[in-house]
């Protein structure tokens, strides 16, 4: 199995800056709560959160699991939950990648039950071809990518490769 470079860290950081500007413009004076979906979204969430230095904001974490190796199991398990009161809060849910959308649909339903003032999705990567929930529309998208397996910058294969600074795509040639 071979991977080739796909998105450089400089491209990632440039796009994060653009997303942060949009978020800061929209959330000035609103003190949003960024909820990072662990483990994969950690690098993106931290970089995005730090890039939003023009607004007051908070960061917290939730952990879900729907992958085993290179494929989605289709079953979303909550491994670590939230302790914050979400009622009336402006929430920005931060995810590394949305492909099937199963994880995001489950988490959105859980969060909406807490009556937030608003609920938006920021994802670094979005695979529209893989999406099984057409009603799911992320609000802030770093990159739209094809339906291929990728690693790096938080994305893993069996727990490995999360520490790579760039994103790599499976080379099927």
N, C-alpha and C. Protein backbone atom coordinates (compact mmCIF):
# COMPACT_ATOMS: atom_id res chain seq x y z
N UNK A 1 0.85 -1.17 0.00
CA UNK A 1 0.00 0.00 0.00
C UNK A 1 0.90 1.24 0.00
N UNK A 2 0.71 2.10 -1.00
CA UNK A 2 1.52 3.31 -1.12
C UNK A 2 0.64 4.55 -1.11
N UNK A 3 1.16 5.60 -0.51
CA UNK A 3 0.48 6.88 -0.47
C UNK A 3 1.37 7.92 -1.13
N UNK A 4 0.74 8.90 -1.77
CA UNK A 4 1.49 9.99 -2.39
C UNK A 4 1.02 11.32 -1.79
N UNK A 5 1.89 12.34 -1.82
CA UNK A 5 1.49 13.64 -1.29
C UNK A 5 0.24 14.16 -1.99
N UNK A 6 -0.66 14.79 -1.22
CA UNK A 6 -1.92 15.26 -1.78
C UNK A 6 -2.18 16.73 -1.44
N UNK A 7 -2.16 17.09 -0.16
CA UNK A 7 -2.37 18.48 0.25
C UNK A 7 -1.24 18.85 1.23
N UNK A 8 -0.49 19.89 0.89
CA UNK A 8 0.64 20.29 1.73
C UNK A 8 0.15 21.04 2.97
N UNK A 9 1.00 21.07 4.00
CA UNK A 9 0.65 21.79 5.21
C UNK A 9 0.48 23.28 4.93
N UNK A 10 1.25 23.83 4.01
CA UNK A 10 1.09 25.26 3.70
C UNK A 10 -0.28 25.52 3.06
N UNK A 11 -0.76 24.60 2.23
CA UNK A 11 -2.11 24.74 1.65
C UNK A 11 -3.17 24.63 2.76
N UNK A 12 -2.96 23.69 3.68
CA UNK A 12 -3.89 23.51 4.80
C UNK A 12 -3.97 24.80 5.62
N UNK A 13 -2.80 25.34 5.98
CA UNK A 13 -2.78 26.54 6.83
C UNK A 13 -3.39 27.75 6.12
N UNK A 14 -3.16 27.86 4.82
CA UNK A 14 -3.76 28.96 4.06
C UNK A 14 -5.29 28.86 4.08
N UNK A 15 -5.78 27.65 3.89
CA UNK A 15 -7.24 27.45 3.89
C UNK A 15 -7.82 27.67 5.28
N UNK A 16 -7.12 27.23 6.32
CA UNK A 16 -7.57 27.47 7.69
C UNK A 16 -7.70 28.96 7.96
N UNK A 17 -6.75 29.75 7.47
CA UNK A 17 -6.83 31.20 7.62
C UNK A 17 -8.09 31.78 6.99
N UNK A 18 -8.46 31.27 5.83
CA UNK A 18 -9.67 31.73 5.15
C UNK A 18 -10.92 31.34 5.93
N UNK A 19 -10.95 30.09 6.42
CA UNK A 19 -12.09 29.63 7.22
C UNK A 19 -12.21 30.45 8.50
N UNK A 20 -11.08 30.71 9.15
CA UNK A 20 -11.07 31.48 10.40
C UNK A 20 -11.62 32.88 10.18
N UNK A 21 -11.26 33.50 9.08
CA UNK A 21 -11.78 34.84 8.79
C UNK A 21 -13.30 34.81 8.67
N UNK A 22 -13.83 33.81 7.97
CA UNK A 22 -15.29 33.69 7.84
C UNK A 22 -15.95 33.49 9.20
N UNK A 23 -15.35 32.63 10.02
CA UNK A 23 -15.90 32.36 11.35
C UNK A 23 -15.85 33.62 12.21
N UNK A 24 -14.72 34.32 12.20
CA UNK A 24 -14.59 35.55 13.00
C UNK A 24 -15.60 36.60 12.56
N UNK A 25 -15.81 36.74 11.26
CA UNK A 25 -16.79 37.70 10.76
C UNK A 25 -18.20 37.33 11.23
N UNK A 26 -18.51 36.06 11.21
CA UNK A 26 -19.86 35.61 11.58
C UNK A 26 -20.10 35.58 13.09
N UNK A 27 -19.05 35.30 13.87
CA UNK A 27 -19.24 35.07 15.30
C UNK A 27 -18.69 36.18 16.20
N UNK A 28 -18.40 37.35 15.65
CA UNK A 28 -17.97 38.47 16.48
C UNK A 28 -19.03 38.72 17.55
N UNK A 29 -18.60 38.86 18.81
CA UNK A 29 -19.50 39.13 19.95
C UNK A 29 -20.39 37.95 20.33
N UNK A 30 -20.14 36.74 19.81
CA UNK A 30 -21.05 35.62 20.10
C UNK A 30 -20.42 34.50 20.94
N UNK A 31 -19.13 34.55 21.20
CA UNK A 31 -18.43 33.57 22.02
C UNK A 31 -18.79 32.12 21.66
N UNK A 32 -18.44 31.68 20.45
CA UNK A 32 -18.78 30.31 20.06
C UNK A 32 -18.00 29.26 20.86
N UNK A 33 -18.59 28.09 20.94
CA UNK A 33 -17.94 26.93 21.53
C UNK A 33 -17.55 26.00 20.39
N UNK A 34 -16.26 25.83 20.19
CA UNK A 34 -15.75 24.88 19.21
C UNK A 34 -15.76 23.50 19.86
N UNK A 35 -16.38 22.52 19.21
CA UNK A 35 -16.37 21.15 19.70
C UNK A 35 -15.57 20.32 18.71
N UNK A 36 -14.42 19.86 19.14
CA UNK A 36 -13.52 19.06 18.31
C UNK A 36 -13.88 17.59 18.43
N UNK A 37 -14.05 16.93 17.29
CA UNK A 37 -14.30 15.49 17.27
C UNK A 37 -12.95 14.78 17.24
N UNK A 38 -12.61 14.16 18.38
CA UNK A 38 -11.33 13.44 18.50
C UNK A 38 -11.40 12.09 17.82
N UNK A 39 -10.32 11.50 17.42
CA UNK A 39 -8.98 12.00 17.56
C UNK A 39 -8.55 12.79 16.33
N UNK A 40 -9.10 12.45 15.19
CA UNK A 40 -8.61 12.96 13.92
C UNK A 40 -8.66 14.46 13.74
N UNK A 41 -9.65 15.13 14.31
CA UNK A 41 -9.81 16.57 14.07
C UNK A 41 -8.92 17.43 14.96
N UNK A 42 -8.16 16.82 15.87
CA UNK A 42 -7.38 17.61 16.83
C UNK A 42 -6.44 18.62 16.16
N UNK A 43 -5.60 18.23 15.20
CA UNK A 43 -4.71 19.23 14.59
C UNK A 43 -5.49 20.37 13.92
N UNK A 44 -6.52 20.02 13.16
CA UNK A 44 -7.34 21.02 12.47
C UNK A 44 -8.05 21.92 13.48
N UNK A 45 -8.66 21.34 14.50
CA UNK A 45 -9.40 22.12 15.49
C UNK A 45 -8.50 23.11 16.21
N UNK A 46 -7.33 22.66 16.62
CA UNK A 46 -6.41 23.54 17.34
C UNK A 46 -5.92 24.66 16.43
N UNK A 47 -5.54 24.33 15.20
CA UNK A 47 -5.07 25.35 14.27
C UNK A 47 -6.19 26.34 13.93
N UNK A 48 -7.41 25.84 13.71
CA UNK A 48 -8.54 26.71 13.41
C UNK A 48 -8.88 27.60 14.60
N UNK A 49 -8.92 27.01 15.78
CA UNK A 49 -9.23 27.76 17.01
C UNK A 49 -8.21 28.89 17.23
N UNK A 50 -6.93 28.58 17.06
CA UNK A 50 -5.89 29.60 17.24
C UNK A 50 -5.97 30.68 16.17
N UNK A 51 -6.39 30.31 14.97
CA UNK A 51 -6.51 31.29 13.88
C UNK A 51 -7.70 32.23 14.10
N UNK A 52 -8.61 31.86 14.99
CA UNK A 52 -9.77 32.71 15.29
C UNK A 52 -9.46 33.63 16.47
N UNK A 53 -8.29 34.22 16.46
CA UNK A 53 -7.85 35.03 17.59
C UNK A 53 -8.57 36.37 17.71
N UNK A 54 -9.35 36.75 16.71
CA UNK A 54 -10.07 38.03 16.75
C UNK A 54 -11.40 37.94 17.50
N UNK A 55 -11.79 36.75 17.96
CA UNK A 55 -13.04 36.60 18.70
C UNK A 55 -12.78 35.85 20.01
N UNK A 56 -13.68 36.05 20.97
CA UNK A 56 -13.66 35.23 22.18
C UNK A 56 -14.33 33.91 21.83
N UNK A 57 -13.70 32.82 22.21
CA UNK A 57 -14.23 31.49 21.88
C UNK A 57 -13.71 30.49 22.90
N UNK A 58 -14.36 29.33 22.95
CA UNK A 58 -13.94 28.24 23.82
C UNK A 58 -13.79 26.97 22.99
N UNK A 59 -13.01 26.04 23.51
CA UNK A 59 -12.74 24.78 22.81
C UNK A 59 -12.96 23.62 23.77
N UNK A 60 -13.69 22.60 23.29
CA UNK A 60 -13.87 21.37 24.06
C UNK A 60 -13.82 20.19 23.10
N UNK A 61 -13.94 18.98 23.64
CA UNK A 61 -13.72 17.79 22.84
C UNK A 61 -14.79 16.73 23.07
N UNK A 62 -15.06 15.96 22.03
CA UNK A 62 -15.91 14.78 22.10
C UNK A 62 -15.21 13.70 21.29
N UNK A 63 -15.41 12.46 21.68
CA UNK A 63 -14.77 11.37 20.94
C UNK A 63 -15.82 10.37 20.49
N UNK A 64 -15.83 10.12 19.19
CA UNK A 64 -16.71 9.13 18.57
C UNK A 64 -15.86 8.19 17.76
N UNK A 65 -16.43 7.05 17.40
CA UNK A 65 -15.70 6.11 16.57
C UNK A 65 -16.66 5.47 15.58
N UNK A 66 -16.25 5.47 14.30
CA UNK A 66 -17.06 4.80 13.28
C UNK A 66 -16.17 4.10 12.25
N UNK A 67 -14.85 4.11 12.49
CA UNK A 67 -13.92 3.52 11.53
C UNK A 67 -13.21 2.33 12.14
N UNK A 68 -12.85 1.40 11.29
CA UNK A 68 -12.00 0.28 11.67
C UNK A 68 -11.06 0.07 10.50
N UNK A 69 -9.79 0.38 10.69
CA UNK A 69 -8.84 0.28 9.57
C UNK A 69 -9.13 1.35 8.54
N UNK A 70 -9.40 0.92 7.30
CA UNK A 70 -9.60 1.85 6.20
C UNK A 70 -11.06 2.10 5.86
N UNK A 71 -11.99 1.49 6.58
CA UNK A 71 -13.40 1.64 6.21
C UNK A 71 -14.29 1.99 7.37
N UNK A 72 -15.39 2.68 7.05
CA UNK A 72 -16.39 3.01 8.05
C UNK A 72 -17.18 1.75 8.40
N UNK A 73 -17.43 1.57 9.69
CA UNK A 73 -18.21 0.41 10.14
C UNK A 73 -19.70 0.66 9.96
N UNK A 74 -20.08 1.94 9.81
CA UNK A 74 -21.50 2.29 9.72
C UNK A 74 -22.15 2.44 11.08
N UNK A 75 -21.45 2.07 12.14
CA UNK A 75 -21.97 2.18 13.50
C UNK A 75 -21.16 3.25 14.23
N UNK A 76 -21.85 4.26 14.77
CA UNK A 76 -21.18 5.35 15.47
C UNK A 76 -21.25 5.09 16.96
N UNK A 77 -20.09 5.05 17.61
CA UNK A 77 -20.02 4.82 19.04
C UNK A 77 -19.47 6.06 19.72
N UNK A 78 -20.12 6.50 20.81
CA UNK A 78 -19.59 7.62 21.58
C UNK A 78 -18.65 7.05 22.63
N UNK A 79 -17.40 7.49 22.57
CA UNK A 79 -16.38 6.98 23.47
C UNK A 79 -16.16 7.95 24.64
N UNK A 80 -16.24 9.25 24.36
CA UNK A 80 -16.06 10.27 25.39
C UNK A 80 -17.04 11.40 25.11
N UNK A 81 -17.85 11.76 26.09
CA UNK A 81 -18.89 12.75 25.88
C UNK A 81 -18.53 14.14 26.37
N UNK A 82 -19.49 15.03 26.26
CA UNK A 82 -19.32 16.43 26.66
C UNK A 82 -19.84 16.65 28.07
N UNK A 83 -19.22 17.58 28.77
CA UNK A 83 -19.71 17.95 30.10
C UNK A 83 -20.27 19.37 30.13
N UNK A 84 -20.05 20.16 29.07
CA UNK A 84 -20.51 21.54 29.01
C UNK A 84 -22.03 21.63 28.81
N UNK A 85 -22.61 22.71 29.34
CA UNK A 85 -24.01 23.03 29.08
C UNK A 85 -24.07 23.71 27.72
N UNK A 86 -24.78 23.12 26.77
CA UNK A 86 -24.82 23.63 25.40
C UNK A 86 -26.05 24.49 25.11
N UNK A 87 -27.00 24.54 26.01
CA UNK A 87 -28.24 25.30 25.79
C UNK A 87 -27.92 26.77 25.56
N UNK A 88 -28.43 27.30 24.45
CA UNK A 88 -28.24 28.70 24.13
C UNK A 88 -26.87 29.08 23.62
N UNK A 89 -25.99 28.11 23.47
CA UNK A 89 -24.62 28.39 22.99
C UNK A 89 -24.55 28.33 21.47
N UNK A 90 -23.62 29.08 20.91
CA UNK A 90 -23.32 29.00 19.48
C UNK A 90 -22.22 27.96 19.32
N UNK A 91 -22.54 26.87 18.64
CA UNK A 91 -21.65 25.71 18.53
C UNK A 91 -21.06 25.64 17.13
N UNK A 92 -19.75 25.42 17.07
CA UNK A 92 -19.07 25.10 15.81
C UNK A 92 -18.47 23.72 16.00
N UNK A 93 -19.04 22.76 15.33
CA UNK A 93 -18.58 21.37 15.41
C UNK A 93 -17.42 21.21 14.43
N UNK A 94 -16.26 20.80 14.92
CA UNK A 94 -15.06 20.72 14.10
C UNK A 94 -14.69 19.26 13.85
N UNK A 95 -14.68 18.88 12.59
CA UNK A 95 -14.42 17.50 12.17
C UNK A 95 -13.26 17.49 11.17
N UNK A 96 -12.52 16.38 11.16
CA UNK A 96 -11.42 16.27 10.20
C UNK A 96 -11.94 15.99 8.80
N UNK A 97 -12.91 15.07 8.70
CA UNK A 97 -13.40 14.65 7.39
C UNK A 97 -14.86 14.22 7.48
N UNK A 98 -15.62 14.57 6.46
CA UNK A 98 -16.98 14.05 6.33
C UNK A 98 -17.00 13.26 5.03
N UNK A 99 -17.24 11.96 5.17
CA UNK A 99 -17.41 11.15 3.95
C UNK A 99 -18.82 10.58 3.91
N UNK A 100 -19.13 9.49 4.59
CA UNK A 100 -20.50 8.97 4.55
C UNK A 100 -21.48 9.91 5.24
N UNK A 101 -20.99 10.62 6.26
CA UNK A 101 -21.84 11.52 7.03
C UNK A 101 -22.51 10.86 8.22
N UNK A 102 -22.33 9.55 8.40
CA UNK A 102 -22.98 8.83 9.50
C UNK A 102 -22.60 9.39 10.86
N UNK A 103 -21.32 9.63 11.08
CA UNK A 103 -20.86 10.17 12.35
C UNK A 103 -21.47 11.53 12.61
N UNK A 104 -21.43 12.39 11.61
CA UNK A 104 -21.91 13.76 11.78
C UNK A 104 -23.42 13.80 12.03
N UNK A 105 -24.20 13.01 11.32
CA UNK A 105 -25.65 12.99 11.52
C UNK A 105 -25.99 12.57 12.94
N UNK A 106 -25.31 11.55 13.45
CA UNK A 106 -25.53 11.09 14.83
C UNK A 106 -25.17 12.18 15.83
N UNK A 107 -24.02 12.79 15.65
CA UNK A 107 -23.57 13.81 16.58
C UNK A 107 -24.46 15.06 16.52
N UNK A 108 -24.86 15.47 15.33
CA UNK A 108 -25.76 16.62 15.20
C UNK A 108 -27.07 16.39 15.95
N UNK A 109 -27.64 15.20 15.81
CA UNK A 109 -28.89 14.88 16.51
C UNK A 109 -28.69 14.96 18.02
N UNK A 110 -27.57 14.43 18.50
CA UNK A 110 -27.27 14.48 19.94
C UNK A 110 -27.14 15.93 20.42
N UNK A 111 -26.43 16.75 19.65
CA UNK A 111 -26.20 18.14 20.06
C UNK A 111 -27.46 18.99 19.96
N UNK A 112 -28.27 18.78 18.93
CA UNK A 112 -29.50 19.55 18.78
C UNK A 112 -30.47 19.31 19.94
N UNK A 113 -30.39 18.15 20.56
CA UNK A 113 -31.24 17.85 21.72
C UNK A 113 -30.91 18.75 22.92
N UNK A 114 -29.74 19.39 22.90
CA UNK A 114 -29.32 20.28 23.99
C UNK A 114 -29.71 21.74 23.74
N UNK A 115 -30.45 22.00 22.66
CA UNK A 115 -30.98 23.33 22.33
C UNK A 115 -29.92 24.43 22.22
N UNK A 116 -28.92 24.23 21.37
CA UNK A 116 -27.95 25.32 21.17
C UNK A 116 -28.60 26.48 20.42
N UNK A 117 -28.04 27.68 20.55
CA UNK A 117 -28.54 28.84 19.81
C UNK A 117 -28.30 28.65 18.31
N UNK A 118 -27.16 28.08 17.98
CA UNK A 118 -26.85 27.76 16.58
C UNK A 118 -25.88 26.59 16.57
N UNK A 119 -25.85 25.89 15.45
CA UNK A 119 -25.00 24.72 15.31
C UNK A 119 -24.47 24.68 13.88
N UNK A 120 -23.16 24.87 13.74
CA UNK A 120 -22.52 24.89 12.43
C UNK A 120 -21.45 23.81 12.39
N UNK A 121 -21.08 23.42 11.17
CA UNK A 121 -20.07 22.38 10.96
C UNK A 121 -18.89 22.97 10.21
N UNK A 122 -17.70 22.76 10.76
CA UNK A 122 -16.45 23.08 10.07
C UNK A 122 -15.71 21.77 9.86
N UNK A 123 -15.42 21.44 8.61
CA UNK A 123 -14.67 20.22 8.31
C UNK A 123 -13.49 20.56 7.41
N UNK A 124 -12.36 19.97 7.70
CA UNK A 124 -11.20 20.20 6.85
C UNK A 124 -11.42 19.58 5.48
N UNK A 125 -11.96 18.35 5.47
CA UNK A 125 -12.12 17.60 4.23
C UNK A 125 -13.55 17.12 4.07
N UNK A 126 -14.04 17.15 2.85
CA UNK A 126 -15.41 16.75 2.55
C UNK A 126 -15.39 15.91 1.28
N UNK A 127 -15.99 14.70 1.37
CA UNK A 127 -16.10 13.80 0.22
C UNK A 127 -17.56 13.76 -0.24
N UNK A 128 -17.99 14.69 -1.09
CA UNK A 128 -19.40 14.71 -1.49
C UNK A 128 -19.86 13.43 -2.18
N UNK A 129 -18.96 12.76 -2.91
CA UNK A 129 -19.33 11.52 -3.62
C UNK A 129 -19.65 10.37 -2.66
N UNK A 130 -19.11 10.43 -1.45
CA UNK A 130 -19.31 9.35 -0.47
C UNK A 130 -20.50 9.61 0.46
N UNK A 131 -21.02 10.84 0.43
CA UNK A 131 -22.06 11.25 1.37
C UNK A 131 -23.34 10.44 1.21
N UNK A 132 -23.82 9.86 2.31
CA UNK A 132 -25.05 9.07 2.31
C UNK A 132 -26.24 9.86 2.89
N UNK A 133 -26.01 11.10 3.26
CA UNK A 133 -27.04 11.94 3.87
C UNK A 133 -27.07 13.28 3.13
N UNK A 134 -27.85 13.36 2.04
CA UNK A 134 -27.83 14.58 1.23
C UNK A 134 -28.28 15.84 1.97
N UNK A 135 -28.98 15.67 3.09
CA UNK A 135 -29.41 16.83 3.88
C UNK A 135 -28.25 17.46 4.65
N UNK A 136 -27.14 16.75 4.75
CA UNK A 136 -25.98 17.22 5.51
C UNK A 136 -25.14 18.16 4.64
N UNK A 137 -25.04 19.41 5.08
CA UNK A 137 -24.29 20.40 4.32
C UNK A 137 -23.35 21.14 5.28
N UNK A 138 -22.06 20.82 5.25
CA UNK A 138 -21.12 21.52 6.13
C UNK A 138 -21.08 23.02 5.81
N UNK A 139 -20.92 23.83 6.84
CA UNK A 139 -20.92 25.29 6.69
C UNK A 139 -19.55 25.84 6.30
N UNK A 140 -18.50 25.22 6.80
CA UNK A 140 -17.13 25.65 6.52
C UNK A 140 -16.36 24.43 6.04
N UNK A 141 -15.91 24.46 4.79
CA UNK A 141 -15.21 23.31 4.19
C UNK A 141 -13.82 23.74 3.74
N UNK A 142 -12.82 23.01 4.23
CA UNK A 142 -11.46 23.29 3.79
C UNK A 142 -11.24 22.87 2.35
N UNK A 143 -11.44 21.58 2.08
CA UNK A 143 -11.21 21.02 0.74
C UNK A 143 -12.25 19.97 0.43
N UNK A 144 -12.80 20.00 -0.78
CA UNK A 144 -13.60 18.89 -1.28
C UNK A 144 -12.63 17.93 -1.96
N UNK A 145 -12.76 16.65 -1.63
CA UNK A 145 -11.81 15.66 -2.15
C UNK A 145 -12.57 14.47 -2.73
N UNK A 146 -11.89 13.66 -3.56
CA UNK A 146 -12.54 12.48 -4.13
C UNK A 146 -12.72 11.39 -3.09
N UNK A 147 -13.46 10.38 -3.46
CA UNK A 147 -13.76 9.24 -2.59
C UNK A 147 -12.57 8.28 -2.58
N UNK A 148 -11.49 8.72 -1.95
CA UNK A 148 -10.26 7.92 -1.84
C UNK A 148 -9.78 7.99 -0.39
N UNK A 149 -8.97 7.01 0.00
CA UNK A 149 -8.48 6.96 1.37
C UNK A 149 -7.29 7.89 1.53
N UNK A 150 -7.30 8.67 2.62
CA UNK A 150 -6.22 9.60 2.89
C UNK A 150 -5.72 9.46 4.32
N UNK A 151 -4.49 9.93 4.53
CA UNK A 151 -3.87 9.91 5.86
C UNK A 151 -3.10 11.21 6.07
N UNK A 152 -2.73 11.45 7.32
CA UNK A 152 -1.91 12.60 7.67
C UNK A 152 -2.73 13.73 8.26
N UNK A 153 -2.05 14.65 8.93
CA UNK A 153 -2.66 15.81 9.57
C UNK A 153 -3.89 15.41 10.39
N UNK A 154 -3.71 14.39 11.22
CA UNK A 154 -4.78 13.92 12.10
C UNK A 154 -5.50 12.67 11.61
N UNK A 155 -5.46 12.43 10.32
CA UNK A 155 -6.14 11.26 9.74
C UNK A 155 -5.21 10.06 9.82
N UNK A 156 -5.77 8.92 10.20
CA UNK A 156 -4.91 7.77 10.49
C UNK A 156 -5.29 6.53 9.69
N UNK A 157 -4.41 5.57 9.78
CA UNK A 157 -4.70 4.21 9.34
C UNK A 157 -4.31 3.32 10.53
N UNK A 158 -5.32 2.78 11.19
CA UNK A 158 -5.13 1.97 12.40
C UNK A 158 -4.28 2.69 13.45
N UNK A 159 -4.55 3.98 13.65
CA UNK A 159 -3.87 4.76 14.68
C UNK A 159 -2.57 5.40 14.25
N UNK A 160 -2.05 5.04 13.09
CA UNK A 160 -0.77 5.58 12.63
C UNK A 160 -0.97 6.68 11.59
N UNK A 161 0.02 7.51 11.42
CA UNK A 161 0.13 8.57 10.39
C UNK A 161 -0.57 9.87 10.79
N UNK A 162 -1.19 9.94 11.96
CA UNK A 162 -1.84 11.18 12.39
C UNK A 162 -0.83 12.33 12.52
N UNK A 163 0.42 12.00 12.82
CA UNK A 163 1.44 13.01 13.09
C UNK A 163 2.07 13.61 11.84
N UNK A 164 1.70 13.15 10.66
CA UNK A 164 2.26 13.71 9.42
C UNK A 164 1.70 15.13 9.23
N UNK A 165 2.55 16.06 8.82
CA UNK A 165 2.13 17.45 8.64
C UNK A 165 1.30 17.66 7.39
N UNK A 166 1.53 16.87 6.38
CA UNK A 166 0.81 16.98 5.11
C UNK A 166 -0.25 15.88 5.04
N UNK A 167 -1.11 15.97 4.03
CA UNK A 167 -2.11 14.93 3.78
C UNK A 167 -1.68 14.13 2.57
N UNK A 168 -1.81 12.82 2.68
CA UNK A 168 -1.42 11.89 1.62
C UNK A 168 -2.64 11.10 1.17
N UNK A 169 -2.65 10.73 -0.10
CA UNK A 169 -3.76 9.99 -0.68
C UNK A 169 -3.27 8.62 -1.13
N UNK A 170 -4.12 7.61 -1.00
CA UNK A 170 -3.77 6.26 -1.42
C UNK A 170 -3.48 6.26 -2.92
N UNK A 171 -2.30 5.77 -3.27
CA UNK A 171 -1.90 5.68 -4.68
C UNK A 171 -2.33 4.32 -5.20
N UNK A 172 -3.33 4.31 -6.05
CA UNK A 172 -3.89 3.05 -6.54
C UNK A 172 -3.28 2.62 -7.87
N UNK A 173 -2.23 3.30 -8.30
CA UNK A 173 -1.57 2.92 -9.56
C UNK A 173 -0.58 1.80 -9.35
